[in-house]
Amino acid sequence: MSKALAWIRKSKGSDDDIGLEDQREMVPTLANELAGTVEKLDLGVHTGFSSMTRDEPSGLLDQHNDVLDAVERIRIGEYDYLTAWDDRRICRDEYFTVIEYACKQGDCEIVYVGDVADDDLTFDLKRRIERDTKEEEIRKAKRALRIKKERGDDLGRPRFGYTYNTAKTVQIPDDDEFERALQVIHLRDEGGTYSEIENATGVSQGTIANILSRREEYLTDAADYDFAFPPESREVRN
């Protein structure tokens, strides 16, 4: 019987917008779709960096006994699949190549919930940029956040189904996309799986999770802005 390992991890930093709740639902769901037996490596909130790029006495990814055990079990062929939200939730630096090589040795296929670039050069450049510019990005983000707060702006990019008003201070429903969000909620209420909802609406599974986590906000705005719920059914999108 085939076997999969569901790898779950959230970064310690504020730049990781994918929560543990979403991962704990969707990563094992994907694993169950692929294999008859599923095991979990749930690291919770944990750094994605290793001793390959960090000089710390403890707490790094490759210093975690469960990680080392999982990588060895992958290497010896215990798993047919390794599932994760995306590659960064497995690892954020060059230690990923160690895990990837273990997968090749053990004939274990890596499968992601989200979209990930397959190009090795893209991966390498992305990791170097993350490592070399992280502190500067944090400083810029904090400065921008402070300015927005001082102006009283609505913070953050518009969530799915919304757009900013002309003054860019309030998020308001964007007609067609907002109706798609309501359709996601309705289909989930009717018992639809994430895969079925994705096929029916064209909304990615990661976005579906985000919509459902804000269900009451969407329904409140639907009433305030006079949107029908449940919305008119949409044709399945291939």
C-alpha atoms as a PDB file:
ATOM      1  CA  MET A   1       0.000   0.000   0.000  1.00  0.00           C
ATOM      2  CA  SER A   2       1.289   3.468  -0.898  1.00  0.00           C
ATOM      3  CA  LYS A   3       2.325   5.826   1.894  1.00  0.00           C
ATOM      4  CA  ALA A   4       2.562   9.615   2.143  1.00  0.00           C
ATOM      5  CA  LEU A   5       4.146  12.045   4.590  1.00  0.00           C
ATOM      6  CA  ALA A   6       2.259  15.322   5.176  1.00  0.00           C
ATOM      7  CA  TRP A   7       4.844  18.015   6.032  1.00  0.00           C
ATOM      8  CA  ILE A   8       3.386  20.973   7.956  1.00  0.00           C
ATOM      9  CA  ARG A   9       5.295  24.053   9.127  1.00  0.00           C
ATOM     10  CA  LYS A  10       4.624  27.747   9.603  1.00  0.00           C
ATOM     11  CA  SER A  11       7.412  30.312   9.741  1.00  0.00           C
ATOM     12  CA  LYS A  12       8.072  32.286  12.902  1.00  0.00           C
ATOM     13  CA  GLY A  13       8.128  35.570  10.990  1.00  0.00           C
ATOM     14  CA  SER A  14       5.119  37.700  10.138  1.00  0.00           C
ATOM     15  CA  ASP A  15       5.720  37.282   6.381  1.00  0.00           C
ATOM     16  CA  ASP A  16       4.174  33.783   6.352  1.00  0.00           C
ATOM     17  CA  ASP A  17       0.488  34.301   5.532  1.00  0.00           C
ATOM     18  CA  ILE A  18      -0.446  30.610   5.340  1.00  0.00           C
ATOM     19  CA  GLY A  19      -1.767  29.502   8.713  1.00  0.00           C
ATOM     20  CA  LEU A  20      -1.392  26.171  10.458  1.00  0.00           C
ATOM     21  CA  GLU A  21      -5.141  25.568  10.424  1.00  0.00           C
ATOM     22  CA  ASP A  22      -5.235  25.705   6.618  1.00  0.00           C
ATOM     23  CA  GLN A  23      -2.197  23.487   6.309  1.00  0.00           C
ATOM     24  CA  ARG A  24      -3.449  20.958   8.833  1.00  0.00           C
ATOM     25  CA  GLU A  25      -6.650  20.557   6.841  1.00  0.00           C
ATOM     26  CA  MET A  26      -5.431  20.649   3.268  1.00  0.00           C
ATOM     27  CA  VAL A  27      -1.969  19.040   3.303  1.00  0.00           C
ATOM     28  CA  PRO A  28      -3.216  15.754   4.844  1.00  0.00           C
ATOM     29  CA  THR A  29      -6.259  15.897   2.544  1.00  0.00           C
ATOM     30  CA  LEU A  30      -3.941  15.969  -0.457  1.00  0.00           C
ATOM     31  CA  ALA A  31      -1.871  13.143   1.048  1.00  0.00           C
ATOM     32  CA  ASN A  32      -4.995  11.010   1.514  1.00  0.00           C
ATOM     33  CA  GLU A  33      -5.919  11.547  -2.120  1.00  0.00           C
ATOM     34  CA  LEU A  34      -2.523  10.183  -3.173  1.00  0.00           C
ATOM     35  CA  ALA A  35      -1.855   7.330  -0.753  1.00  0.00           C
ATOM     36  CA  GLY A  36      -3.606   4.682   1.328  1.00  0.00           C
ATOM     37  CA  THR A  37      -1.576   5.457   4.448  1.00  0.00           C
ATOM     38  CA  VAL A  38      -0.699   8.953   5.683  1.00  0.00           C
ATOM     39  CA  GLU A  39       1.689  10.095   8.402  1.00  0.00           C
ATOM     40  CA  LYS A  40       2.202  13.697   9.541  1.00  0.00           C
ATOM     41  CA  LEU A  41       5.287  15.728  10.343  1.00  0.00           C
ATOM     42  CA  ASP A  42       3.660  18.698  12.086  1.00  0.00           C
ATOM     43  CA  LEU A  43       6.369  21.123  13.188  1.00  0.00           C
ATOM     44  CA  GLY A  44       3.925  23.869  14.151  1.00  0.00           C
ATOM     45  CA  VAL A  45       5.572  27.305  14.215  1.00  0.00           C
ATOM     46  CA  HIS A  46       9.216  26.602  13.457  1.00  0.00           C
ATOM     47  CA  THR A  47      12.022  28.223  11.507  1.00  0.00           C
ATOM     48  CA  GLY A  48      12.505  27.041   7.937  1.00  0.00           C
ATOM     49  CA  PHE A  49      16.237  27.789   7.973  1.00  0.00           C
ATOM     50  CA  SER A  50      19.028  25.296   8.616  1.00  0.00           C
ATOM     51  CA  SER A  51      22.669  25.327   9.667  1.00  0.00           C
ATOM     52  CA  MET A  52      23.532  25.648   5.982  1.00  0.00           C
ATOM     53  CA  THR A  53      22.648  29.361   6.165  1.00  0.00           C
ATOM     54  CA  ARG A  54      22.347  30.127   9.879  1.00  0.00           C
ATOM     55  CA  ASP A  55      24.898  29.990  12.690  1.00  0.00           C
ATOM     56  CA  GLU A  56      22.805  29.220  15.749  1.00  0.00           C
ATOM     57  CA  PRO A  57      23.389  26.732  18.578  1.00  0.00           C
ATOM     58  CA  SER A  58      19.916  25.194  18.409  1.00  0.00           C
ATOM     59  CA  GLY A  59      16.432  25.415  16.966  1.00  0.00           C
ATOM     60  CA  LEU A  60      17.292  25.142  13.268  1.00  0.00           C
ATOM     61  CA  LEU A  61      15.419  22.852  10.913  1.00  0.00           C
ATOM     62  CA  ASP A  62      18.222  20.324  10.483  1.00  0.00           C
ATOM     63  CA  GLN A  63      18.708  20.208  14.261  1.00  0.00           C
ATOM     64  CA  HIS A  64      15.172  18.916  14.826  1.00  0.00           C
ATOM     65  CA  ASN A  65      15.202  15.173  15.534  1.00  0.00           C
ATOM     66  CA  ASP A  66      11.810  14.596  13.887  1.00  0.00           C
ATOM     67  CA  VAL A  67      13.006  16.306  10.719  1.00  0.00           C
ATOM     68  CA  LEU A  68      16.207  14.264  10.609  1.00  0.00           C
ATOM     69  CA  ASP A  69      14.218  11.069  11.179  1.00  0.00           C
ATOM     70  CA  ALA A  70      11.695  11.968   8.457  1.00  0.00           C
ATOM     71  CA  VAL A  71      14.415  12.765   5.909  1.00  0.00           C
ATOM     72  CA  GLU A  72      16.143   9.448   6.625  1.00  0.00           C
ATOM     73  CA  ARG A  73      12.886   7.528   6.279  1.00  0.00           C
ATOM     74  CA  ILE A  74      12.272   9.310   2.978  1.00  0.00           C
ATOM     75  CA  ARG A  75      15.779   8.382   1.826  1.00  0.00           C
ATOM     76  CA  ILE A  76      15.361   4.665   2.537  1.00  0.00           C
ATOM     77  CA  GLY A  77      12.111   4.532   0.562  1.00  0.00           C
ATOM     78  CA  GLU A  78       9.455   4.437   3.294  1.00  0.00           C
ATOM     79  CA  TYR A  79       7.255   7.048   1.602  1.00  0.00           C
ATOM     80  CA  ASP A  80       5.865   7.256  -1.914  1.00  0.00           C
ATOM     81  CA  TYR A  81       4.801  10.893  -1.568  1.00  0.00           C
ATOM     82  CA  LEU A  82       5.831  13.968   0.400  1.00  0.00           C
ATOM     83  CA  THR A  83       3.047  16.558   0.519  1.00  0.00           C
ATOM     84  CA  ALA A  84       3.292  20.178   1.679  1.00  0.00           C
ATOM     85  CA  TRP A  85       1.567  23.505   1.081  1.00  0.00           C
ATOM     86  CA  ASP A  86       4.535  24.628  -1.032  1.00  0.00           C
ATOM     87  CA  ASP A  87       8.322  24.252  -1.080  1.00  0.00           C
ATOM     88  CA  ARG A  88       8.914  27.081   1.408  1.00  0.00           C
ATOM     89  CA  ARG A  89       6.822  25.287   4.032  1.00  0.00           C
ATOM     90  CA  ILE A  90       9.276  22.392   3.776  1.00  0.00           C
ATOM     91  CA  CYS A  91      12.407  24.544   3.968  1.00  0.00           C
ATOM     92  CA  ARG A  92      13.507  28.107   3.231  1.00  0.00           C
ATOM     93  CA  ASP A  93      17.168  27.596   2.361  1.00  0.00           C
ATOM     94  CA  GLU A  94      19.592  25.201   0.675  1.00  0.00           C
ATOM     95  CA  TYR A  95      18.711  22.366   3.077  1.00  0.00           C
ATOM     96  CA  PHE A  96      15.791  21.811   0.719  1.00  0.00           C
ATOM     97  CA  THR A  97      18.266  20.255  -1.730  1.00  0.00           C
ATOM     98  CA  VAL A  98      19.140  17.667   0.932  1.00  0.00           C
ATOM     99  CA  ILE A  99      15.459  16.790   1.345  1.00  0.00           C
ATOM    100  CA  GLU A 100      14.943  16.785  -2.411  1.00  0.00           C
ATOM    101  CA  TYR A 101      17.904  14.436  -2.905  1.00  0.00           C
ATOM    102  CA  ALA A 102      16.564  12.113  -0.202  1.00  0.00           C
ATOM    103  CA  CYS A 103      13.294  11.995  -2.156  1.00  0.00           C
ATOM    104  CA  LYS A 104      15.171  11.027  -5.311  1.00  0.00           C
ATOM    105  CA  GLN A 105      17.050   8.306  -3.441  1.00  0.00           C
ATOM    106  CA  GLY A 106      13.851   6.905  -1.943  1.00  0.00           C
ATOM    107  CA  ASP A 107      11.713   7.352  -5.078  1.00  0.00           C
ATOM    108  CA  CYS A 108       9.403   9.729  -3.186  1.00  0.00           C
ATOM    109  CA  GLU A 109       7.417  12.260  -5.210  1.00  0.00           C
ATOM    110  CA  ILE A 110       6.984  15.769  -3.774  1.00  0.00           C
ATOM    111  CA  VAL A 111       3.447  17.118  -4.308  1.00  0.00           C
ATOM    112  CA  TYR A 112       2.265  20.598  -3.285  1.00  0.00           C
ATOM    113  CA  VAL A 113      -1.126  22.076  -2.518  1.00  0.00           C
ATOM    114  CA  GLY A 114      -0.096  25.396  -4.109  1.00  0.00           C
ATOM    115  CA  ASP A 115       1.769  26.325  -7.274  1.00  0.00           C
ATOM    116  CA  VAL A 116       5.576  26.077  -7.124  1.00  0.00           C
ATOM    117  CA  ALA A 117       8.145  26.912  -9.811  1.00  0.00           C
ATOM    118  CA  ASP A 118       9.955  23.823 -11.090  1.00  0.00           C
ATOM    119  CA  ASP A 119      13.049  25.692 -12.276  1.00  0.00           C
ATOM    120  CA  ASP A 120      16.076  24.978 -10.050  1.00  0.00           C
ATOM    121  CA  LEU A 121      17.611  28.369 -10.852  1.00  0.00           C
ATOM    122  CA  THR A 122      14.399  30.102  -9.806  1.00  0.00           C
ATOM    123  CA  PHE A 123      14.482  28.175  -6.530  1.00  0.00           C
ATOM    124  CA  ASP A 124      18.125  29.064  -5.842  1.00  0.00           C
ATOM    125  CA  LEU A 125      17.699  32.755  -6.628  1.00  0.00           C
ATOM    126  CA  LYS A 126      14.542  32.953  -4.551  1.00  0.00           C
ATOM    127  CA  ARG A 127      16.277  31.511  -1.511  1.00  0.00           C
ATOM    128  CA  ARG A 128      19.289  33.816  -1.868  1.00  0.00           C
ATOM    129  CA  ILE A 129      17.045  36.858  -2.201  1.00  0.00           C
ATOM    130  CA  GLU A 130      15.047  35.797   0.854  1.00  0.00           C
ATOM    131  CA  ARG A 131      18.188  35.363   2.923  1.00  0.00           C
ATOM    132  CA  ASP A 132      20.001  38.516   1.804  1.00  0.00           C
ATOM    133  CA  THR A 133      17.108  40.983   1.822  1.00  0.00           C
ATOM    134  CA  LYS A 134      14.826  39.743   4.601  1.00  0.00           C
ATOM    135  CA  GLU A 135      15.830  42.369   7.168  1.00  0.00           C
ATOM    136  CA  GLU A 136      15.474  45.230   4.674  1.00  0.00           C
ATOM    137  CA  GLU A 137      12.022  43.991   3.632  1.00  0.00           C
ATOM    138  CA  ILE A 138      10.941  43.855   7.270  1.00  0.00           C
ATOM    139  CA  ARG A 139      12.120  47.443   7.841  1.00  0.00           C
ATOM    140  CA  LYS A 140      10.255  48.653   4.748  1.00  0.00           C
ATOM    141  CA  ALA A 141       7.104  46.783   5.733  1.00  0.00           C
ATOM    142  CA  LYS A 142       7.128  48.219   9.243  1.00  0.00           C
ATOM    143  CA  ARG A 143       7.669  51.729   7.893  1.00  0.00           C
ATOM    144  CA  ALA A 144       4.812  51.367   5.386  1.00  0.00           C
ATOM    145  CA  LEU A 145       2.543  49.934   8.060  1.00  0.00           C
ATOM    146  CA  ARG A 146       3.274  52.852  10.369  1.00  0.00           C
ATOM    147  CA  ILE A 147       2.442  55.367   7.627  1.00  0.00           C
ATOM    148  CA  LYS A 148      -0.815  53.604   6.771  1.00  0.00           C
ATOM    149  CA  LYS A 149      -1.843  53.504  10.423  1.00  0.00           C
ATOM    150  CA  GLU A 150      -1.088  57.218  10.801  1.00  0.00           C
ATOM    151  CA  ARG A 151      -3.297  57.960   7.753  1.00  0.00           C
ATOM    152  CA  GLY A 152      -6.042  55.632   8.997  1.00  0.00           C
ATOM    153  CA  ASP A 153      -5.865  53.485   5.857  1.00  0.00           C
ATOM    154  CA  ASP A 154      -7.378  50.004   5.653  1.00  0.00           C
ATOM    155  CA  LEU A 155      -4.324  47.766   5.889  1.00  0.00           C
ATOM    156  CA  GLY A 156      -3.286  44.929   3.600  1.00  0.00           C
ATOM    157  CA  ARG A 157      -4.029  43.979   0.020  1.00  0.00           C
ATOM    158  CA  PRO A 158      -7.690  43.324  -0.845  1.00  0.00           C
ATOM    159  CA  ARG A 159      -8.777  39.789  -0.034  1.00  0.00           C
ATOM    160  CA  PHE A 160     -10.413  37.657  -2.712  1.00  0.00           C
ATOM    161  CA  GLY A 161     -13.657  39.158  -3.986  1.00  0.00           C
ATOM    162  CA  TYR A 162     -12.862  42.706  -2.864  1.00  0.00           C
ATOM    163  CA  THR A 163     -11.309  45.841  -4.252  1.00  0.00           C
ATOM    164  CA  TYR A 164     -10.386  49.192  -2.721  1.00  0.00           C
ATOM    165  CA  ASN A 165     -12.655  52.181  -2.970  1.00  0.00           C
ATOM    166  CA  THR A 166     -11.403  55.195  -4.918  1.00  0.00           C
ATOM    167  CA  ALA A 167      -9.618  56.618  -1.872  1.00  0.00           C
ATOM    168  CA  LYS A 168      -8.001  53.233  -1.182  1.00  0.00           C
ATOM    169  CA  THR A 169      -9.157  53.331   2.428  1.00  0.00           C
ATOM    170  CA  VAL A 170     -11.914  50.684   2.462  1.00  0.00           C
ATOM    171  CA  GLN A 171     -12.297  47.247   0.845  1.00  0.00           C
ATOM    172  CA  ILE A 172     -15.612  46.785  -0.962  1.00  0.00           C
ATOM    173  CA  PRO A 173     -17.054  43.821  -2.904  1.00  0.00           C
ATOM    174  CA  ASP A 174     -15.893  43.432  -6.505  1.00  0.00           C
ATOM    175  CA  ASP A 175     -19.086  42.139  -8.139  1.00  0.00           C
ATOM    176  CA  ASP A 176     -18.069  39.040 -10.137  1.00  0.00           C
ATOM    177  CA  GLU A 177     -15.268  37.904  -7.869  1.00  0.00           C
ATOM    178  CA  PHE A 178     -17.373  38.455  -4.749  1.00  0.00           C
ATOM    179  CA  GLU A 179     -20.122  36.263  -6.224  1.00  0.00           C
ATOM    180  CA  ARG A 180     -17.509  33.556  -6.807  1.00  0.00           C
ATOM    181  CA  ALA A 181     -16.522  33.783  -3.134  1.00  0.00           C
ATOM    182  CA  LEU A 182     -20.168  33.369  -2.133  1.00  0.00           C
ATOM    183  CA  GLN A 183     -20.401  30.365  -4.455  1.00  0.00           C
ATOM    184  CA  VAL A 184     -17.411  28.814  -2.667  1.00  0.00           C
ATOM    185  CA  ILE A 185     -19.177  29.211   0.689  1.00  0.00           C
ATOM    186  CA  HIS A 186     -22.436  27.797  -0.670  1.00  0.00           C
ATOM    187  CA  LEU A 187     -20.773  24.744  -2.228  1.00  0.00           C
ATOM    188  CA  ARG A 188     -18.896  24.049   1.008  1.00  0.00           C
ATOM    189  CA  ASP A 189     -22.166  24.329   2.963  1.00  0.00           C
ATOM    190  CA  GLU A 190     -23.590  21.753   0.550  1.00  0.00           C
ATOM    191  CA  GLY A 191     -20.773  19.349   1.425  1.00  0.00           C
ATOM    192  CA  GLY A 192     -18.460  19.987  -1.531  1.00  0.00           C
ATOM    193  CA  THR A 193     -14.795  19.027  -1.230  1.00  0.00           C
ATOM    194  CA  TYR A 194     -12.028  21.517  -1.926  1.00  0.00           C
ATOM    195  CA  SER A 195     -11.303  19.785  -5.248  1.00  0.00           C
ATOM    196  CA  GLU A 196     -14.965  19.882  -6.292  1.00  0.00           C
ATOM    197  CA  ILE A 197     -15.269  23.547  -5.362  1.00  0.00           C
ATOM    198  CA  GLU A 198     -12.082  24.396  -7.278  1.00  0.00           C
ATOM    199  CA  ASN A 199     -13.432  22.661 -10.385  1.00  0.00           C
ATOM    200  CA  ALA A 200     -16.799  24.391 -10.082  1.00  0.00           C
ATOM    201  CA  THR A 201     -15.564  27.934  -9.440  1.00  0.00           C
ATOM    202  CA  GLY A 202     -11.999  28.140 -10.732  1.00  0.00           C
ATOM    203  CA  VAL A 203     -10.862  29.329  -7.290  1.00  0.00           C
ATOM    204  CA  SER A 204      -7.635  27.719  -6.044  1.00  0.00           C
ATOM    205  CA  GLN A 205      -7.776  25.521  -2.958  1.00  0.00           C
ATOM    206  CA  GLY A 206      -5.555  27.895  -0.985  1.00  0.00           C
ATOM    207  CA  THR A 207      -7.939  30.777  -1.697  1.00  0.00           C
ATOM    208  CA  ILE A 208     -10.915  28.549  -0.859  1.00  0.00           C
ATOM    209  CA  ALA A 209      -9.430  27.984   2.594  1.00  0.00           C
ATOM    210  CA  ASN A 210      -8.953  31.731   3.083  1.00  0.00           C
ATOM    211  CA  ILE A 211     -12.548  32.473   2.017  1.00  0.00           C
ATOM    212  CA  LEU A 212     -13.992  29.863   4.349  1.00  0.00           C
ATOM    213  CA  SER A 213     -11.956  31.199   7.262  1.00  0.00           C
ATOM    214  CA  ARG A 214     -13.748  34.567   6.744  1.00  0.00           C
ATOM    215  CA  ARG A 215     -17.171  33.073   6.047  1.00  0.00           C
ATOM    216  CA  GLU A 216     -19.136  35.350   8.377  1.00  0.00           C
ATOM    217  CA  GLU A 217     -17.478  38.492   6.989  1.00  0.00           C
ATOM    218  CA  TYR A 218     -18.438  37.540   3.431  1.00  0.00           C
ATOM    219  CA  LEU A 219     -22.034  36.785   4.402  1.00  0.00           C
ATOM    220  CA  THR A 220     -22.345  40.022   6.374  1.00  0.00           C
ATOM    221  CA  ASP A 221     -21.069  42.061   3.415  1.00  0.00           C
ATOM    222  CA  ALA A 222     -23.344  40.106   1.062  1.00  0.00           C
ATOM    223  CA  ALA A 223     -26.330  41.328   3.063  1.00  0.00           C
ATOM    224  CA  ASP A 224     -24.994  44.880   3.418  1.00  0.00           C
ATOM    225  CA  TYR A 225     -24.298  45.180  -0.325  1.00  0.00           C
ATOM    226  CA  ASP A 226     -27.464  43.325  -1.405  1.00  0.00           C
ATOM    227  CA  PHE A 227     -25.862  40.186  -2.886  1.00  0.00           C
ATOM    228  CA  ALA A 228     -28.094  37.114  -3.115  1.00  0.00           C
ATOM    229  CA  PHE A 229     -27.121  34.070  -1.063  1.00  0.00           C
ATOM    230  CA  PRO A 230     -26.968  31.359  -2.122  1.00  0.00           C
ATOM    231  CA  PRO A 231     -25.766  32.821  -5.414  1.00  0.00           C
ATOM    232  CA  GLU A 232     -26.761  31.560  -8.834  1.00  0.00           C
ATOM    233  CA  SER A 233     -24.968  28.272  -9.663  1.00  0.00           C
ATOM    234  CA  ARG A 234     -21.959  28.447 -11.963  1.00  0.00           C
ATOM    235  CA  GLU A 235     -20.946  25.958 -14.602  1.00  0.00           C
ATOM    236  CA  VAL A 236     -18.022  23.665 -13.839  1.00  0.00           C
ATOM    237  CA  ARG A 237     -14.748  25.136 -15.084  1.00  0.00           C
ATOM    238  CA  ASN A 238     -12.359  22.674 -16.673  1.00  0.00           C
END
